[in-house]
Amino acid sequence: MYTYEETVDYIKEYFQYLRDDLKKFTYSQRIDLHDLNKEMEQLYYDTGLKLKDFREVIKDLGICLRNCVCYGSQERLRKVILESKKSKSGRSSLTIHKEDAKRFFYVKSCLIELVIRSRRRRNY
């Protein structure tokens, strides 16, 4: 059994592995949601955490589920996503819409909520 700190480090390393895998074997900068959900399910069982704790660790680490990068905190991840939305198209390649994620239990469970300027709340 690992300590909480060791589990957090393991989760960070796991997402780094996914990120390296993504760069090495695909030309895409985004991971497929189906593949991500399978990886997260395996990670969940490997860590032995309760689902609530698992979600909190991933969110607290600021892990972007679209590109598997750890930004260090939820606030920093939100800032990066909102900055990326300021492009000409107004879309971000880092977002995952709740509608797209609803079929994938682990992905949907770990989404963070963004508040868009129009004061509408959206989950990404």
Protein backbone atom coordinates (compact mmCIF):
# COMPACT_ATOMS: atom_id res chain seq x y z
CA MET A 1 0.00 0.00 0.00
CA TYR A 2 1.33 3.41 -0.97
CA THR A 3 1.19 6.62 1.01
CA TYR A 4 -0.98 9.42 -0.28
CA GLU A 5 2.07 11.35 -1.53
CA GLU A 6 3.39 8.29 -3.36
CA THR A 7 -0.04 7.79 -4.95
CA VAL A 8 -0.10 11.41 -6.12
CA ASP A 9 3.38 11.01 -7.60
CA TYR A 10 2.29 7.79 -9.30
CA ILE A 11 -0.70 9.55 -10.88
CA LYS A 12 1.54 12.39 -12.14
CA GLU A 13 4.00 9.89 -13.61
CA TYR A 14 1.17 7.91 -15.20
CA PHE A 15 -0.17 10.97 -17.01
CA GLN A 16 3.38 11.87 -18.08
CA TYR A 17 3.64 8.37 -19.55
CA LEU A 18 0.34 8.92 -21.39
CA ARG A 19 1.63 12.26 -22.66
CA ASP A 20 4.88 10.71 -23.90
CA ASP A 21 2.91 7.89 -25.51
CA LEU A 22 0.67 10.41 -27.21
CA LYS A 23 3.66 12.23 -28.68
CA LYS A 24 5.47 9.07 -29.71
CA PHE A 25 2.72 7.02 -31.33
CA THR A 26 0.28 9.55 -32.71
CA TYR A 27 0.50 12.78 -34.60
CA SER A 28 -2.35 14.18 -32.57
CA GLN A 29 -1.92 16.44 -29.57
CA ARG A 30 -5.16 15.13 -28.08
CA ILE A 31 -5.99 11.77 -26.61
CA ASP A 32 -9.10 9.89 -27.70
CA LEU A 33 -11.75 9.93 -24.94
CA HIS A 34 -12.39 6.20 -25.20
CA ASP A 35 -8.69 5.42 -24.76
CA LEU A 36 -8.36 7.95 -21.96
CA ASN A 37 -11.31 6.44 -20.10
CA LYS A 38 -9.75 2.96 -20.30
CA GLU A 39 -6.42 4.31 -19.04
CA MET A 40 -8.09 6.21 -16.21
CA GLU A 41 -10.10 3.15 -15.20
CA GLN A 42 -6.87 1.14 -14.95
CA LEU A 43 -5.20 3.95 -13.01
CA TYR A 44 -8.16 4.12 -10.63
CA TYR A 45 -7.91 0.42 -9.83
CA ASP A 46 -4.12 0.58 -9.55
CA THR A 47 -4.21 3.39 -6.99
CA GLY A 48 -6.89 1.84 -4.79
CA LEU A 49 -8.31 5.28 -4.00
CA LYS A 50 -11.98 5.98 -3.47
CA LEU A 51 -13.51 7.63 -6.54
CA LYS A 52 -13.95 10.94 -4.70
CA ASP A 53 -10.26 10.98 -3.72
CA PHE A 54 -9.20 9.92 -7.22
CA ARG A 55 -11.14 12.83 -8.77
CA GLU A 56 -9.76 15.30 -6.26
CA VAL A 57 -6.15 14.28 -6.89
CA ILE A 58 -6.51 14.64 -10.65
CA LYS A 59 -8.27 17.98 -10.32
CA ASP A 60 -5.85 19.29 -7.68
CA LEU A 61 -2.89 18.39 -9.87
CA GLY A 62 -4.46 20.39 -12.69
CA ILE A 63 -4.21 17.53 -15.15
CA CYS A 64 -5.63 18.43 -18.53
CA LEU A 65 -7.54 15.38 -19.73
CA ARG A 66 -7.23 16.43 -23.36
CA ASN A 67 -3.44 16.53 -23.62
CA CYS A 68 -2.41 14.76 -20.35
CA VAL A 69 -0.30 17.66 -19.13
CA CYS A 70 -0.07 18.39 -15.40
CA TYR A 71 -0.42 22.15 -14.85
CA GLY A 72 0.01 22.00 -11.06
CA SER A 73 -3.39 23.27 -9.93
CA GLN A 74 -6.98 23.62 -11.04
CA GLU A 75 -6.63 27.39 -11.17
CA ARG A 76 -3.64 27.24 -13.50
CA LEU A 77 -5.40 24.68 -15.72
CA ARG A 78 -8.48 26.92 -15.91
CA LYS A 79 -6.29 29.88 -16.84
CA VAL A 80 -4.51 27.90 -19.58
CA ILE A 81 -7.81 26.68 -21.02
CA LEU A 82 -9.41 30.12 -20.95
CA GLU A 83 -6.32 31.68 -22.56
CA SER A 84 -6.39 29.06 -25.30
CA LYS A 85 -10.04 29.93 -25.98
CA LYS A 86 -9.03 33.48 -26.91
CA SER A 87 -7.91 32.33 -30.34
CA LYS A 88 -9.61 33.54 -33.50
CA SER A 89 -12.03 30.63 -33.53
CA GLY A 90 -12.98 31.02 -29.86
CA ARG A 91 -12.47 27.30 -29.36
CA SER A 92 -9.81 25.49 -27.46
CA SER A 93 -8.24 22.18 -28.34
CA LEU A 94 -7.89 21.60 -24.59
CA THR A 95 -11.59 21.47 -23.77
CA ILE A 96 -13.77 18.42 -23.39
CA HIS A 97 -17.45 19.20 -23.46
CA LYS A 98 -19.63 17.47 -20.92
CA GLU A 99 -21.86 16.19 -23.73
CA ASP A 100 -18.90 14.44 -25.34
CA ALA A 101 -17.68 12.99 -22.05
CA LYS A 102 -20.97 11.69 -20.67
CA ARG A 103 -20.41 8.20 -22.13
CA PHE A 104 -17.06 7.91 -20.38
CA PHE A 105 -17.47 7.53 -16.61
CA TYR A 106 -13.92 8.28 -15.45
CA VAL A 107 -13.38 11.16 -17.87
CA LYS A 108 -16.70 12.76 -16.93
CA SER A 109 -15.94 12.34 -13.23
CA CYS A 110 -12.70 14.30 -13.48
CA LEU A 111 -13.83 17.27 -15.57
CA ILE A 112 -13.29 20.71 -14.08
CA GLU A 113 -15.86 23.47 -14.31
CA LEU A 114 -15.08 26.67 -16.16
CA VAL A 115 -16.97 29.92 -15.80
CA ILE A 116 -17.20 31.61 -19.17
CA ARG A 117 -17.47 35.41 -19.40
CA SER A 118 -21.14 35.25 -20.26
CA ARG A 119 -21.64 33.95 -16.71
CA ARG A 120 -22.89 30.65 -18.05
CA ARG A 121 -21.31 27.67 -16.39
CA ARG A 122 -19.87 24.93 -18.51
CA ASN A 123 -18.04 21.77 -17.65
CA TYR A 124 -14.81 20.98 -19.45
